[in-house]
């Protein structure tokens, strides 16, 4: 029996339909697999440590006034020597002490000068301690009032004279802290996976947060709190 062209068209259409249906099942299965692969959980892990500052900057500032500028400058130089002698007495070396800038103010040269002021000239002197021994600074700070007996009033309550404590060895503890934060993140992810009847897979993405260094509190600026938060995303599976 001769087969008409229409017969072949019908056969071709049936084959095409079967192929499309099969292809649809394949796409559906692939989509389900991809969707399963995309299941994930994002968690954060925190690591904190308390460390001691290893560097300190201590500005010592005092002022003096007089109507005789030459006499005033000479007296300030003597007081500078007295402050340096005080610092050396408390264990500071020459390479830890530097003489900062001195400012001389002529009050009469000001546009709005006060004619009733007692002294014409004012000198502010600065001596800077830069040391890797915060304990020595703590000790000297407790005894700085001894300079008052030499008529040297060291300013301690201004922003310019604030003692600055610094922690400079962050790189030494970074790897261990990142590991600790990552382990804590995994603990949280495991708990989530268990509660959702899932299994924890490999890491999908991970981001190390910035390290922050702050004073533990306002009364102990020489003790620092180092903190880092790590964000990790894990795959989940049934």
Protein backbone atom coordinates (compact mmCIF):
# COMPACT_ATOMS: atom_id res chain seq x y z
CA UNK A 1 0.00 0.00 0.00
CA UNK A 2 1.38 3.36 -0.98
CA UNK A 3 1.67 5.80 1.91
CA UNK A 4 0.53 9.32 1.25
CA UNK A 5 2.59 12.37 2.18
CA UNK A 6 0.04 13.13 4.90
CA UNK A 7 0.91 9.88 6.61
CA UNK A 8 4.54 10.88 6.92
CA UNK A 9 3.55 14.29 8.21
CA UNK A 10 1.47 12.67 10.98
CA UNK A 11 4.34 10.35 11.92
CA UNK A 12 6.76 13.28 12.03
CA UNK A 13 4.35 15.27 14.20
CA UNK A 14 4.00 12.35 16.63
CA UNK A 15 7.76 11.96 16.89
CA UNK A 16 8.18 15.67 17.43
CA UNK A 17 5.57 15.63 20.19
CA UNK A 18 7.23 12.71 21.93
CA UNK A 19 10.58 14.48 21.69
CA UNK A 20 9.20 17.70 23.10
CA UNK A 21 7.56 15.87 26.01
CA UNK A 22 10.80 14.01 26.77
CA UNK A 23 12.78 17.22 26.53
CA UNK A 24 10.31 18.87 28.89
CA UNK A 25 10.84 16.12 31.49
CA UNK A 26 14.61 16.54 31.15
CA UNK A 27 14.36 20.33 31.64
CA UNK A 28 12.07 19.85 34.62
CA UNK A 29 14.49 17.42 36.25
CA UNK A 30 17.42 19.71 35.56
CA UNK A 31 15.54 22.70 36.97
CA UNK A 32 14.74 20.75 40.13
CA UNK A 33 18.39 19.77 40.50
CA UNK A 34 19.52 23.37 40.03
CA UNK A 35 16.91 24.58 42.49
CA UNK A 36 18.11 22.03 45.04
CA UNK A 37 21.69 23.20 44.51
CA UNK A 38 20.60 26.79 45.17
CA UNK A 39 19.29 26.06 48.67
CA UNK A 40 21.59 27.79 51.11
CA UNK A 41 21.79 29.50 54.48
CA UNK A 42 23.75 32.65 55.30
CA UNK A 43 25.09 33.04 58.83
CA UNK A 44 27.47 35.27 60.77
CA UNK A 45 30.20 34.37 63.24
CA UNK A 46 31.62 36.76 65.84
CA UNK A 47 35.08 36.68 67.39
CA UNK A 48 36.19 39.07 70.15
CA UNK A 49 39.37 39.45 72.17
CA UNK A 50 40.68 41.76 74.85
CA UNK A 51 44.27 42.85 74.31
CA UNK A 52 46.64 45.31 75.95
CA UNK A 53 47.86 48.35 74.04
CA UNK A 54 51.50 48.05 73.03
CA UNK A 55 52.18 51.69 72.11
CA UNK A 56 51.33 54.94 73.84
CA UNK A 57 51.53 58.62 72.90
CA UNK A 58 51.52 61.01 75.85
CA UNK A 59 51.54 64.76 75.19
CA UNK A 60 52.60 66.87 78.18
CA UNK A 61 51.62 70.52 77.85
CA UNK A 62 52.09 73.46 80.18
CA UNK A 63 51.80 77.24 79.90
CA UNK A 64 53.63 80.20 81.39
CA UNK A 65 53.15 83.97 81.13
CA UNK A 66 55.18 87.13 81.70
CA UNK A 67 55.60 90.68 80.47
CA UNK A 68 59.27 90.10 79.70
CA UNK A 69 59.48 87.80 76.70
CA UNK A 70 63.18 86.99 77.06
CA UNK A 71 62.78 86.06 80.69
CA UNK A 72 59.66 84.03 79.86
CA UNK A 73 61.37 82.00 77.13
CA UNK A 74 64.31 81.26 79.42
CA UNK A 75 61.98 80.09 82.19
CA UNK A 76 60.04 77.85 79.80
CA UNK A 77 63.29 76.21 78.67
CA UNK A 78 64.15 75.49 82.30
CA UNK A 79 60.72 73.96 82.82
CA UNK A 80 61.16 71.82 79.71
CA UNK A 81 64.37 70.47 81.21
CA UNK A 82 62.53 69.77 84.46
CA UNK A 83 59.78 67.84 82.67
CA UNK A 84 62.34 65.79 80.75
CA UNK A 85 64.22 65.06 83.97
CA UNK A 86 60.93 63.89 85.53
CA UNK A 87 60.31 61.54 82.61
CA UNK A 88 63.81 60.08 82.74
CA UNK A 89 63.42 59.57 86.48
CA UNK A 90 60.43 57.37 85.66
CA UNK A 91 62.28 55.21 83.17
CA UNK A 92 61.89 56.94 79.80
CA UNK A 93 64.86 57.09 77.42
CA UNK A 94 65.92 59.93 75.13
CA UNK A 95 64.49 58.19 72.08
CA UNK A 96 61.06 58.08 73.77
CA UNK A 97 60.98 61.82 74.49
CA UNK A 98 60.69 64.65 71.98
CA UNK A 99 60.13 68.38 72.39
CA UNK A 100 57.12 69.52 70.41
CA UNK A 101 56.20 72.93 69.10
CA UNK A 102 56.03 75.99 71.32
CA UNK A 103 53.53 78.76 70.70
CA UNK A 104 54.10 82.35 71.84
CA UNK A 105 51.10 84.64 72.07
CA UNK A 106 51.39 88.43 72.28
CA UNK A 107 48.07 89.43 73.79
CA UNK A 108 48.60 93.12 73.05
CA UNK A 109 49.02 92.35 69.36
CA UNK A 110 45.50 91.00 69.17
CA UNK A 111 42.80 93.10 67.57
CA UNK A 112 40.63 92.93 70.67
CA UNK A 113 43.30 93.14 73.33
CA UNK A 114 42.28 93.51 76.97
CA UNK A 115 44.11 96.46 78.49
CA UNK A 116 43.54 95.11 82.01
CA UNK A 117 45.31 91.79 81.42
CA UNK A 118 48.14 91.08 83.81
CA UNK A 119 50.68 89.52 81.43
CA UNK A 120 51.39 90.42 77.83
CA UNK A 121 53.07 87.20 76.66
CA UNK A 122 51.85 83.60 76.94
CA UNK A 123 53.91 80.54 75.99
CA UNK A 124 52.55 77.02 75.55
CA UNK A 125 55.13 74.23 75.53
CA UNK A 126 54.66 70.62 74.45
CA UNK A 127 56.75 67.56 75.23
CA UNK A 128 55.74 64.26 73.63
CA UNK A 129 56.34 60.75 74.96
CA UNK A 130 56.13 57.98 72.35
CA UNK A 131 56.74 54.64 74.00
CA UNK A 132 56.14 50.92 73.65
CA UNK A 133 55.76 50.62 77.43
CA UNK A 134 52.26 51.74 78.48
CA UNK A 135 52.96 50.58 82.04
CA UNK A 136 55.64 53.26 82.42
CA UNK A 137 53.18 55.92 81.26
CA UNK A 138 50.56 54.69 83.72
CA UNK A 139 53.08 54.95 86.53
CA UNK A 140 54.32 58.42 85.53
CA UNK A 141 50.78 59.72 85.08
CA UNK A 142 49.98 58.89 88.68
CA UNK A 143 52.93 61.02 89.82
CA UNK A 144 52.78 63.93 87.38
CA UNK A 145 51.48 66.20 90.15
CA UNK A 146 55.05 66.22 91.49
CA UNK A 147 55.84 68.74 88.74
CA UNK A 148 53.47 71.21 90.43
CA UNK A 149 56.08 71.57 93.18
CA UNK A 150 58.31 73.12 90.50
CA UNK A 151 55.53 75.49 89.43
CA UNK A 152 54.76 73.39 86.34
CA UNK A 153 51.05 72.81 85.82
CA UNK A 154 50.74 70.02 83.25
CA UNK A 155 47.43 70.14 81.40
CA UNK A 156 45.68 66.75 81.51
CA UNK A 157 42.02 67.42 80.75
CA UNK A 158 42.07 68.79 77.20
CA UNK A 159 41.67 67.03 73.86
CA UNK A 160 45.19 68.06 72.80
CA UNK A 161 46.76 66.37 75.84
CA UNK A 162 44.74 63.17 75.72
CA UNK A 163 46.88 60.07 76.16
CA UNK A 164 46.51 57.79 73.14
CA UNK A 165 46.91 54.03 73.56
CA UNK A 166 47.42 51.98 70.38
CA UNK A 167 47.40 48.26 69.56
CA UNK A 168 49.76 47.73 66.61
CA UNK A 169 50.07 43.92 66.35
CA UNK A 170 46.66 43.14 64.88
CA UNK A 171 48.17 41.02 62.10
CA UNK A 172 49.49 38.59 64.72
CA UNK A 173 45.99 37.63 65.90
CA UNK A 174 44.02 38.06 62.66
CA UNK A 175 44.28 34.44 61.39
CA UNK A 176 43.18 32.89 64.69
CA UNK A 177 40.27 35.33 65.06
CA UNK A 178 39.04 34.73 61.51
CA UNK A 179 39.18 30.97 62.15
CA UNK A 180 37.24 31.38 65.39
CA UNK A 181 34.58 33.54 63.71
CA UNK A 182 34.23 31.03 60.85
CA UNK A 183 33.86 28.11 63.29
CA UNK A 184 31.13 29.96 65.17
CA UNK A 185 29.36 30.70 61.89
CA UNK A 186 29.44 26.98 61.06
CA UNK A 187 27.97 26.14 64.47
CA UNK A 188 25.02 28.43 63.74
CA UNK A 189 24.62 26.96 60.23
CA UNK A 190 24.66 23.39 61.60
CA UNK A 191 21.94 24.29 64.09
CA UNK A 192 19.82 25.79 61.30
CA UNK A 193 20.33 22.75 59.08
CA UNK A 194 19.37 20.39 61.90
CA UNK A 195 16.22 22.37 62.75
CA UNK A 196 15.16 22.36 59.07
CA UNK A 197 15.90 18.64 58.55
CA UNK A 198 18.65 19.46 56.09
CA UNK A 199 22.32 18.66 55.74
CA UNK A 200 25.01 21.32 55.68
CA UNK A 201 27.08 21.38 52.50
CA UNK A 202 30.13 23.24 51.32
CA UNK A 203 30.73 26.98 51.60
CA UNK A 204 29.06 28.93 48.80
CA UNK A 205 30.43 32.37 49.65
CA UNK A 206 32.38 33.86 52.55
CA UNK A 207 33.14 37.44 53.51
CA UNK A 208 35.49 38.56 56.24
CA UNK A 209 34.21 41.70 57.93
CA UNK A 210 36.41 44.58 58.96
CA UNK A 211 38.32 44.36 62.21
CA UNK A 212 37.45 47.01 64.80
CA UNK A 213 39.58 48.08 67.77
CA UNK A 214 37.91 50.04 70.56
CA UNK A 215 38.58 50.85 74.20
CA UNK A 216 37.14 48.24 76.52
CA UNK A 217 35.63 51.13 78.49
CA UNK A 218 36.30 54.81 79.18
CA UNK A 219 38.27 54.08 82.36
CA UNK A 220 40.76 51.64 80.84
CA UNK A 221 41.80 52.99 77.41
CA UNK A 222 44.98 50.89 77.57
CA UNK A 223 42.84 47.72 77.29
CA UNK A 224 41.41 47.24 73.82
CA UNK A 225 38.58 45.11 72.46
CA UNK A 226 39.26 43.60 69.03
CA UNK A 227 36.18 42.43 67.10
CA UNK A 228 35.46 40.82 63.72
CA UNK A 229 32.28 39.42 62.16
CA UNK A 230 32.53 36.87 59.34
CA UNK A 231 29.61 36.19 56.96
CA UNK A 232 29.44 32.70 55.45
CA UNK A 233 26.87 31.14 53.12
CA UNK A 234 26.56 27.33 53.05
CA UNK A 235 24.74 25.01 50.65
CA UNK A 236 21.92 22.91 52.09
CA UNK A 237 20.74 19.50 50.96
CA UNK A 238 18.05 17.03 52.04
